Amino acid sequence: MEDHEKVYLVVSGVISWTCAFLLTKKVFPKRSFDFSNRIVSTIHAVFAVVLSSLSVQDWTCPVCPLAANSSPLQMRALAVTLAYLIYDLVCCLFDANIKIDNSVHHLVSIVGIGAGLAYEKCGSEMVAALWITEISSPFLHLRELLKELGYKDTDLNLAADVSFAAIFTLARMCFGPYLCYVTLSANNPFLIKAMALGLQLVSAFWFYKIARMVKYKLIKRSSTKITT
């Protein structure tokens, strides 16, 4: 893939995600900035999982071939996500909702995916990472959307919390370490290895926070049922 094609995909992607956000704001004018952004983020998560699944070259070994040249499908999937990450980072700045861990995640991912597109290597590992990191995202955003729709502290919201925690744990804390290991072991560029390690460290931190959240929710729900 030529360099101008990559730039075109990323730039047009940023514009497309921005237009999707503006359209969502128009459809839901009374909802918050975060509500509209999370709808766009959910759409991206679905696209990312589908595109990364379609770009897998060998389902008997989804991360194979290691340290190989990226296919056009893999680079398109990565370009779509790179465009989204740039859009979402800017959105966080406009919303004044800057969190250190989230910003680190975005910056690490932007640098790593940008390096992957530039080198045109490690496509198998990177689309596998994309699948692992985005598979739980719809449930993450559903939790917050339900709260704004008035379903906070309901069984539906608790189900979204538990589903998110379970899928996140399985994807990022079971498959994630293996993917990180094979990426670090293979003959990949330094920036790709740094991205793999950085994402896994951020995932471990988030896992700690999610475990505390679920524990709090379950204890709170149990206490409520006892008092009633």
C-alpha atoms as a PDB file:
ATOM      1  CA  MET A   1       0.000   0.000   0.000  1.00  0.00           C
ATOM      2  CA  GLU A   2       1.362   3.408  -1.001  1.00  0.00           C
ATOM      3  CA  ASP A   3       2.022   6.045   1.652  1.00  0.00           C
ATOM      4  CA  HIS A   4      -0.536   8.454   0.189  1.00  0.00           C
ATOM      5  CA  GLU A   5      -3.186   5.731   0.422  1.00  0.00           C
ATOM      6  CA  LYS A   6      -2.467   5.264   4.125  1.00  0.00           C
ATOM      7  CA  VAL A   7      -2.631   9.013   4.755  1.00  0.00           C
ATOM      8  CA  TYR A   8      -5.888   9.236   2.804  1.00  0.00           C
ATOM      9  CA  LEU A   9      -7.443   6.381   4.804  1.00  0.00           C
ATOM     10  CA  VAL A  10      -6.475   7.952   8.139  1.00  0.00           C
ATOM     11  CA  VAL A  11      -7.497  11.523   7.253  1.00  0.00           C
ATOM     12  CA  SER A  12     -10.800  10.457   5.683  1.00  0.00           C
ATOM     13  CA  GLY A  13     -11.363   8.222   8.696  1.00  0.00           C
ATOM     14  CA  VAL A  14     -10.909  11.087  11.163  1.00  0.00           C
ATOM     15  CA  ILE A  15     -13.374  13.180   9.134  1.00  0.00           C
ATOM     16  CA  SER A  16     -15.855  10.282   8.972  1.00  0.00           C
ATOM     17  CA  TRP A  17     -15.756   9.617  12.731  1.00  0.00           C
ATOM     18  CA  THR A  18     -16.198  13.347  13.388  1.00  0.00           C
ATOM     19  CA  CYS A  19     -19.206  13.477  11.052  1.00  0.00           C
ATOM     20  CA  ALA A  20     -20.674  10.420  12.795  1.00  0.00           C
ATOM     21  CA  PHE A  21     -20.338  12.233  16.128  1.00  0.00           C
ATOM     22  CA  LEU A  22     -22.012  15.390  14.786  1.00  0.00           C
ATOM     23  CA  LEU A  23     -24.836  13.290  13.345  1.00  0.00           C
ATOM     24  CA  THR A  24     -25.319  11.554  16.678  1.00  0.00           C
ATOM     25  CA  LYS A  25     -25.479  14.929  18.441  1.00  0.00           C
ATOM     26  CA  LYS A  26     -28.167  15.986  15.977  1.00  0.00           C
ATOM     27  CA  VAL A  27     -30.197  12.798  16.526  1.00  0.00           C
ATOM     28  CA  PHE A  28     -29.869  13.040  20.326  1.00  0.00           C
ATOM     29  CA  PRO A  29     -29.706  16.809  20.975  1.00  0.00           C
ATOM     30  CA  LYS A  30     -30.625  16.520  24.657  1.00  0.00           C
ATOM     31  CA  ARG A  31     -27.970  13.957  25.452  1.00  0.00           C
ATOM     32  CA  SER A  32     -24.490  14.755  26.720  1.00  0.00           C
ATOM     33  CA  PHE A  33     -21.275  15.082  24.740  1.00  0.00           C
ATOM     34  CA  ASP A  34     -20.076  11.824  26.309  1.00  0.00           C
ATOM     35  CA  PHE A  35     -23.284  10.006  25.292  1.00  0.00           C
ATOM     36  CA  SER A  36     -22.793  10.851  21.608  1.00  0.00           C
ATOM     37  CA  ASN A  37     -19.099  10.002  21.736  1.00  0.00           C
ATOM     38  CA  ARG A  38     -19.813   6.617  23.296  1.00  0.00           C
ATOM     39  CA  ILE A  39     -22.261   5.747  20.518  1.00  0.00           C
ATOM     40  CA  VAL A  40     -19.526   6.504  17.963  1.00  0.00           C
ATOM     41  CA  SER A  41     -17.067   4.473  20.051  1.00  0.00           C
ATOM     42  CA  THR A  42     -19.464   1.518  20.071  1.00  0.00           C
ATOM     43  CA  ILE A  43     -19.805   1.701  16.282  1.00  0.00           C
ATOM     44  CA  HIS A  44     -16.018   1.734  15.976  1.00  0.00           C
ATOM     45  CA  ALA A  45     -15.672  -1.274  18.300  1.00  0.00           C
ATOM     46  CA  VAL A  46     -18.033  -3.296  16.103  1.00  0.00           C
ATOM     47  CA  PHE A  47     -16.184  -2.218  12.941  1.00  0.00           C
ATOM     48  CA  ALA A  48     -12.812  -3.010  14.517  1.00  0.00           C
ATOM     49  CA  VAL A  49     -13.826  -6.523  15.575  1.00  0.00           C
ATOM     50  CA  VAL A  50     -15.400  -7.293  12.191  1.00  0.00           C
ATOM     51  CA  LEU A  51     -12.510  -5.877  10.135  1.00  0.00           C
ATOM     52  CA  SER A  52      -9.850  -7.561  12.256  1.00  0.00           C
ATOM     53  CA  SER A  53     -11.730 -10.875  12.027  1.00  0.00           C
ATOM     54  CA  LEU A  54     -11.980 -10.592   8.245  1.00  0.00           C
ATOM     55  CA  SER A  55      -8.243  -9.871   7.974  1.00  0.00           C
ATOM     56  CA  VAL A  56      -7.080 -12.971   9.868  1.00  0.00           C
ATOM     57  CA  GLN A  57      -5.054 -15.053   7.430  1.00  0.00           C
ATOM     58  CA  ASP A  58      -5.125 -18.398   9.250  1.00  0.00           C
ATOM     59  CA  TRP A  59      -7.827 -19.169  11.854  1.00  0.00           C
ATOM     60  CA  THR A  60      -5.905 -22.246  13.036  1.00  0.00           C
ATOM     61  CA  CYS A  61      -3.305 -19.743  14.268  1.00  0.00           C
ATOM     62  CA  PRO A  62      -4.868 -16.244  14.355  1.00  0.00           C
ATOM     63  CA  VAL A  63      -1.548 -14.529  15.188  1.00  0.00           C
ATOM     64  CA  CYS A  64       0.299 -16.226  12.325  1.00  0.00           C
ATOM     65  CA  PRO A  65       2.428 -15.489  10.432  1.00  0.00           C
ATOM     66  CA  LEU A  66       4.459 -13.640  13.080  1.00  0.00           C
ATOM     67  CA  ALA A  67       6.548 -10.584  12.166  1.00  0.00           C
ATOM     68  CA  ALA A  68       5.320 -10.883   8.572  1.00  0.00           C
ATOM     69  CA  ASN A  69       4.326  -8.256   6.031  1.00  0.00           C
ATOM     70  CA  SER A  70       0.843  -6.856   6.625  1.00  0.00           C
ATOM     71  CA  SER A  71      -1.905  -7.634   4.155  1.00  0.00           C
ATOM     72  CA  PRO A  72      -3.997  -4.811   2.589  1.00  0.00           C
ATOM     73  CA  LEU A  73      -7.002  -5.894   4.700  1.00  0.00           C
ATOM     74  CA  GLN A  74      -4.952  -5.704   7.880  1.00  0.00           C
ATOM     75  CA  MET A  75      -3.643  -2.244   7.049  1.00  0.00           C
ATOM     76  CA  ARG A  76      -7.155  -0.994   6.296  1.00  0.00           C
ATOM     77  CA  ALA A  77      -8.392  -2.328   9.631  1.00  0.00           C
ATOM     78  CA  LEU A  78      -5.505  -0.614  11.422  1.00  0.00           C
ATOM     79  CA  ALA A  79      -6.037   2.661   9.525  1.00  0.00           C
ATOM     80  CA  VAL A  80      -9.710   2.757  10.545  1.00  0.00           C
ATOM     81  CA  THR A  81      -8.759   2.329  14.198  1.00  0.00           C
ATOM     82  CA  LEU A  82      -5.869   4.824  14.008  1.00  0.00           C
ATOM     83  CA  ALA A  83      -8.308   7.415  12.633  1.00  0.00           C
ATOM     84  CA  TYR A  84     -10.773   6.658  15.425  1.00  0.00           C
ATOM     85  CA  LEU A  85      -8.109   6.941  18.145  1.00  0.00           C
ATOM     86  CA  ILE A  86      -7.033  10.361  16.839  1.00  0.00           C
ATOM     87  CA  TYR A  87     -10.676  11.504  16.738  1.00  0.00           C
ATOM     88  CA  ASP A  88     -11.383  10.144  20.228  1.00  0.00           C
ATOM     89  CA  LEU A  89      -8.276  11.742  21.761  1.00  0.00           C
ATOM     90  CA  VAL A  90      -9.358  15.134  20.383  1.00  0.00           C
ATOM     91  CA  CYS A  91     -12.896  14.508  21.678  1.00  0.00           C
ATOM     92  CA  CYS A  92     -11.535  13.913  25.173  1.00  0.00           C
ATOM     93  CA  LEU A  93      -9.766  17.287  24.999  1.00  0.00           C
ATOM     94  CA  PHE A  94     -12.955  19.091  23.938  1.00  0.00           C
ATOM     95  CA  ASP A  95     -14.965  17.348  26.644  1.00  0.00           C
ATOM     96  CA  ALA A  96     -12.320  18.228  29.250  1.00  0.00           C
ATOM     97  CA  ASN A  97     -12.531  14.566  30.264  1.00  0.00           C
ATOM     98  CA  ILE A  98      -8.824  13.739  30.295  1.00  0.00           C
ATOM     99  CA  LYS A  99      -7.757  10.663  32.256  1.00  0.00           C
ATOM    100  CA  ILE A 100      -4.085   9.747  32.485  1.00  0.00           C
ATOM    101  CA  ASP A 101      -4.563   6.003  31.908  1.00  0.00           C
ATOM    102  CA  ASN A 102      -6.893   6.572  28.950  1.00  0.00           C
ATOM    103  CA  SER A 103      -4.536   9.152  27.421  1.00  0.00           C
ATOM    104  CA  VAL A 104      -1.584   6.764  27.790  1.00  0.00           C
ATOM    105  CA  HIS A 105      -3.641   4.003  26.145  1.00  0.00           C
ATOM    106  CA  HIS A 106      -4.505   6.284  23.223  1.00  0.00           C
ATOM    107  CA  LEU A 107      -0.961   7.587  22.736  1.00  0.00           C
ATOM    108  CA  VAL A 108       0.614   4.125  22.953  1.00  0.00           C
ATOM    109  CA  SER A 109      -1.932   2.765  20.476  1.00  0.00           C
ATOM    110  CA  ILE A 110      -1.529   5.701  18.062  1.00  0.00           C
ATOM    111  CA  VAL A 111       2.268   5.395  18.040  1.00  0.00           C
ATOM    112  CA  GLY A 112       2.151   1.598  17.765  1.00  0.00           C
ATOM    113  CA  ILE A 113      -0.448   1.441  14.996  1.00  0.00           C
ATOM    114  CA  GLY A 114       1.249   4.313  13.162  1.00  0.00           C
ATOM    115  CA  ALA A 115       4.526   2.385  13.311  1.00  0.00           C
ATOM    116  CA  GLY A 116       2.783  -0.766  12.090  1.00  0.00           C
ATOM    117  CA  LEU A 117       1.364   1.099   9.093  1.00  0.00           C
ATOM    118  CA  ALA A 118       4.720   2.711   8.345  1.00  0.00           C
ATOM    119  CA  TYR A 119       6.682  -0.564   8.554  1.00  0.00           C
ATOM    120  CA  GLU A 120       3.857  -2.566   6.902  1.00  0.00           C
ATOM    121  CA  LYS A 121       4.785  -5.414   9.228  1.00  0.00           C
ATOM    122  CA  CYS A 122       3.283  -7.260  12.210  1.00  0.00           C
ATOM    123  CA  GLY A 123      -0.212  -7.200  10.721  1.00  0.00           C
ATOM    124  CA  SER A 124      -1.215 -10.513  12.302  1.00  0.00           C
ATOM    125  CA  GLU A 125      -0.163  -9.483  15.792  1.00  0.00           C
ATOM    126  CA  MET A 126      -1.699  -6.031  15.506  1.00  0.00           C
ATOM    127  CA  VAL A 127      -5.134  -7.093  14.262  1.00  0.00           C
ATOM    128  CA  ALA A 128      -5.152  -9.734  17.016  1.00  0.00           C
ATOM    129  CA  ALA A 129      -4.420  -6.954  19.528  1.00  0.00           C
ATOM    130  CA  LEU A 130      -7.174  -4.877  17.946  1.00  0.00           C
ATOM    131  CA  TRP A 131      -9.658  -7.736  18.347  1.00  0.00           C
ATOM    132  CA  ILE A 132      -8.632  -8.360  21.959  1.00  0.00           C
ATOM    133  CA  THR A 133      -8.831  -4.702  22.988  1.00  0.00           C
ATOM    134  CA  GLU A 134     -12.146  -3.909  21.271  1.00  0.00           C
ATOM    135  CA  ILE A 135     -14.223  -7.036  21.932  1.00  0.00           C
ATOM    136  CA  SER A 136     -15.250  -5.768  25.384  1.00  0.00           C
ATOM    137  CA  SER A 137     -15.715  -2.113  24.360  1.00  0.00           C
ATOM    138  CA  PRO A 138     -19.446  -2.282  23.443  1.00  0.00           C
ATOM    139  CA  PHE A 139     -20.222  -3.467  26.982  1.00  0.00           C
ATOM    140  CA  LEU A 140     -17.983  -0.759  28.448  1.00  0.00           C
ATOM    141  CA  HIS A 141     -19.950   1.948  26.639  1.00  0.00           C
ATOM    142  CA  LEU A 142     -23.305   0.251  27.267  1.00  0.00           C
ATOM    143  CA  ARG A 143     -22.708   0.641  31.021  1.00  0.00           C
ATOM    144  CA  GLU A 144     -22.398   4.415  30.713  1.00  0.00           C
ATOM    145  CA  LEU A 145     -25.192   4.785  28.154  1.00  0.00           C
ATOM    146  CA  LEU A 146     -27.592   2.951  30.458  1.00  0.00           C
ATOM    147  CA  LYS A 147     -26.692   5.272  33.331  1.00  0.00           C
ATOM    148  CA  GLU A 148     -27.557   8.359  31.277  1.00  0.00           C
ATOM    149  CA  LEU A 149     -30.794   6.735  30.113  1.00  0.00           C
ATOM    150  CA  GLY A 150     -31.858   6.331  33.751  1.00  0.00           C
ATOM    151  CA  TYR A 151     -30.970   2.678  34.341  1.00  0.00           C
ATOM    152  CA  LYS A 152     -28.259   3.207  36.927  1.00  0.00           C
ATOM    153  CA  ASP A 153     -28.276   0.675  39.797  1.00  0.00           C
ATOM    154  CA  THR A 154     -30.686  -1.618  37.935  1.00  0.00           C
ATOM    155  CA  ASP A 155     -30.301  -5.326  37.156  1.00  0.00           C
ATOM    156  CA  LEU A 156     -29.761  -4.394  33.495  1.00  0.00           C
ATOM    157  CA  ASN A 157     -26.872  -2.095  34.391  1.00  0.00           C
ATOM    158  CA  LEU A 158     -25.381  -4.740  36.701  1.00  0.00           C
ATOM    159  CA  ALA A 159     -25.605  -7.306  33.881  1.00  0.00           C
ATOM    160  CA  ALA A 160     -23.719  -4.902  31.594  1.00  0.00           C
ATOM    161  CA  ASP A 161     -21.081  -4.400  34.308  1.00  0.00           C
ATOM    162  CA  VAL A 162     -20.554  -8.125  34.849  1.00  0.00           C
ATOM    163  CA  SER A 163     -20.550  -8.882  31.093  1.00  0.00           C
ATOM    164  CA  PHE A 164     -17.952  -6.194  30.482  1.00  0.00           C
ATOM    165  CA  ALA A 165     -15.763  -7.407  33.352  1.00  0.00           C
ATOM    166  CA  ALA A 166     -15.948 -11.047  32.235  1.00  0.00           C
ATOM    167  CA  ILE A 167     -15.174 -10.363  28.569  1.00  0.00           C
ATOM    168  CA  PHE A 168     -12.420  -7.874  29.438  1.00  0.00           C
ATOM    169  CA  THR A 169     -10.787 -10.372  31.805  1.00  0.00           C
ATOM    170  CA  LEU A 170     -10.943 -13.240  29.323  1.00  0.00           C
ATOM    171  CA  ALA A 171      -9.649 -11.169  26.401  1.00  0.00           C
ATOM    172  CA  ARG A 172      -7.037  -8.956  28.005  1.00  0.00           C
ATOM    173  CA  MET A 173      -5.820 -11.026  30.949  1.00  0.00           C
ATOM    174  CA  CYS A 174      -5.931 -14.494  29.353  1.00  0.00           C
ATOM    175  CA  PHE A 175      -5.265 -14.002  25.623  1.00  0.00           C
ATOM    176  CA  GLY A 176      -3.528 -10.641  26.063  1.00  0.00           C
ATOM    177  CA  PRO A 177      -0.414 -11.886  27.899  1.00  0.00           C
ATOM    178  CA  TYR A 178       0.083 -14.643  25.304  1.00  0.00           C
ATOM    179  CA  LEU A 179      -0.162 -12.131  22.447  1.00  0.00           C
ATOM    180  CA  CYS A 180       2.244  -9.826  24.277  1.00  0.00           C
ATOM    181  CA  TYR A 181       4.710 -12.700  24.713  1.00  0.00           C
ATOM    182  CA  VAL A 182       4.695 -13.790  21.063  1.00  0.00           C
ATOM    183  CA  THR A 183       4.972 -10.167  19.899  1.00  0.00           C
ATOM    184  CA  LEU A 184       7.979  -9.557  22.129  1.00  0.00           C
ATOM    185  CA  SER A 185       9.560 -12.885  21.136  1.00  0.00           C
ATOM    186  CA  ALA A 186       9.211 -12.385  17.393  1.00  0.00           C
ATOM    187  CA  ASN A 187      11.516 -10.255  15.254  1.00  0.00           C
ATOM    188  CA  ASN A 188       9.314  -7.162  15.431  1.00  0.00           C
ATOM    189  CA  PRO A 189      10.363  -3.481  15.394  1.00  0.00           C
ATOM    190  CA  PHE A 190      11.025  -1.897  18.794  1.00  0.00           C
ATOM    191  CA  LEU A 191       7.983   0.405  18.642  1.00  0.00           C
ATOM    192  CA  ILE A 192       5.669  -2.568  18.047  1.00  0.00           C
ATOM    193  CA  LYS A 193       7.143  -4.407  21.025  1.00  0.00           C
ATOM    194  CA  ALA A 194       6.833  -1.285  23.167  1.00  0.00           C
ATOM    195  CA  MET A 195       3.174  -0.947  22.169  1.00  0.00           C
ATOM    196  CA  ALA A 196       2.478  -4.587  23.079  1.00  0.00           C
ATOM    197  CA  LEU A 197       4.068  -4.217  26.503  1.00  0.00           C
ATOM    198  CA  GLY A 198       2.456  -0.829  27.128  1.00  0.00           C
ATOM    199  CA  LEU A 199      -1.028  -2.064  26.252  1.00  0.00           C
ATOM    200  CA  GLN A 200      -0.652  -5.079  28.506  1.00  0.00           C
ATOM    201  CA  LEU A 201       0.466  -2.924  31.436  1.00  0.00           C
ATOM    202  CA  VAL A 202      -2.493  -0.556  30.936  1.00  0.00           C
ATOM    203  CA  SER A 203      -4.822  -3.568  30.662  1.00  0.00           C
ATOM    204  CA  ALA A 204      -3.503  -4.962  33.954  1.00  0.00           C
ATOM    205  CA  PHE A 205      -4.135  -1.597  35.657  1.00  0.00           C
ATOM    206  CA  TRP A 206      -7.658  -1.445  34.242  1.00  0.00           C
ATOM    207  CA  PHE A 207      -8.274  -5.039  35.330  1.00  0.00           C
ATOM    208  CA  TYR A 208      -7.465  -4.022  38.900  1.00  0.00           C
ATOM    209  CA  LYS A 209      -9.920  -1.105  38.707  1.00  0.00           C
ATOM    210  CA  ILE A 210     -12.629  -3.258  37.093  1.00  0.00           C
ATOM    211  CA  ALA A 211     -12.278  -5.972  39.745  1.00  0.00           C
ATOM    212  CA  ARG A 212     -12.754  -3.357  42.465  1.00  0.00           C
ATOM    213  CA  MET A 213     -15.779  -1.939  40.630  1.00  0.00           C
ATOM    214  CA  VAL A 214     -17.496  -5.310  40.283  1.00  0.00           C
ATOM    215  CA  LYS A 215     -16.773  -6.198  43.904  1.00  0.00           C
ATOM    216  CA  TYR A 216     -18.293  -2.895  45.034  1.00  0.00           C
ATOM    217  CA  LYS A 217     -21.374  -3.357  42.832  1.00  0.00           C
ATOM    218  CA  LEU A 218     -22.011  -6.908  44.030  1.00  0.00           C
ATOM    219  CA  ILE A 219     -21.576  -5.983  47.715  1.00  0.00           C
ATOM    220  CA  LYS A 220     -23.848  -2.969  47.245  1.00  0.00           C
ATOM    221  CA  ARG A 221     -26.511  -5.099  45.541  1.00  0.00           C
ATOM    222  CA  SER A 222     -26.319  -7.758  48.278  1.00  0.00           C
ATOM    223  CA  SER A 223     -26.622  -5.110  51.015  1.00  0.00           C
ATOM    224  CA  THR A 224     -29.649  -3.562  49.283  1.00  0.00           C
ATOM    225  CA  LYS A 225     -31.440  -6.911  49.058  1.00  0.00           C
ATOM    226  CA  ILE A 226     -30.743  -7.677  52.736  1.00  0.00           C
ATOM    227  CA  THR A 227     -32.120  -4.321  53.922  1.00  0.00           C
ATOM    228  CA  THR A 228     -35.251  -4.702  51.812  1.00  0.00           C
END
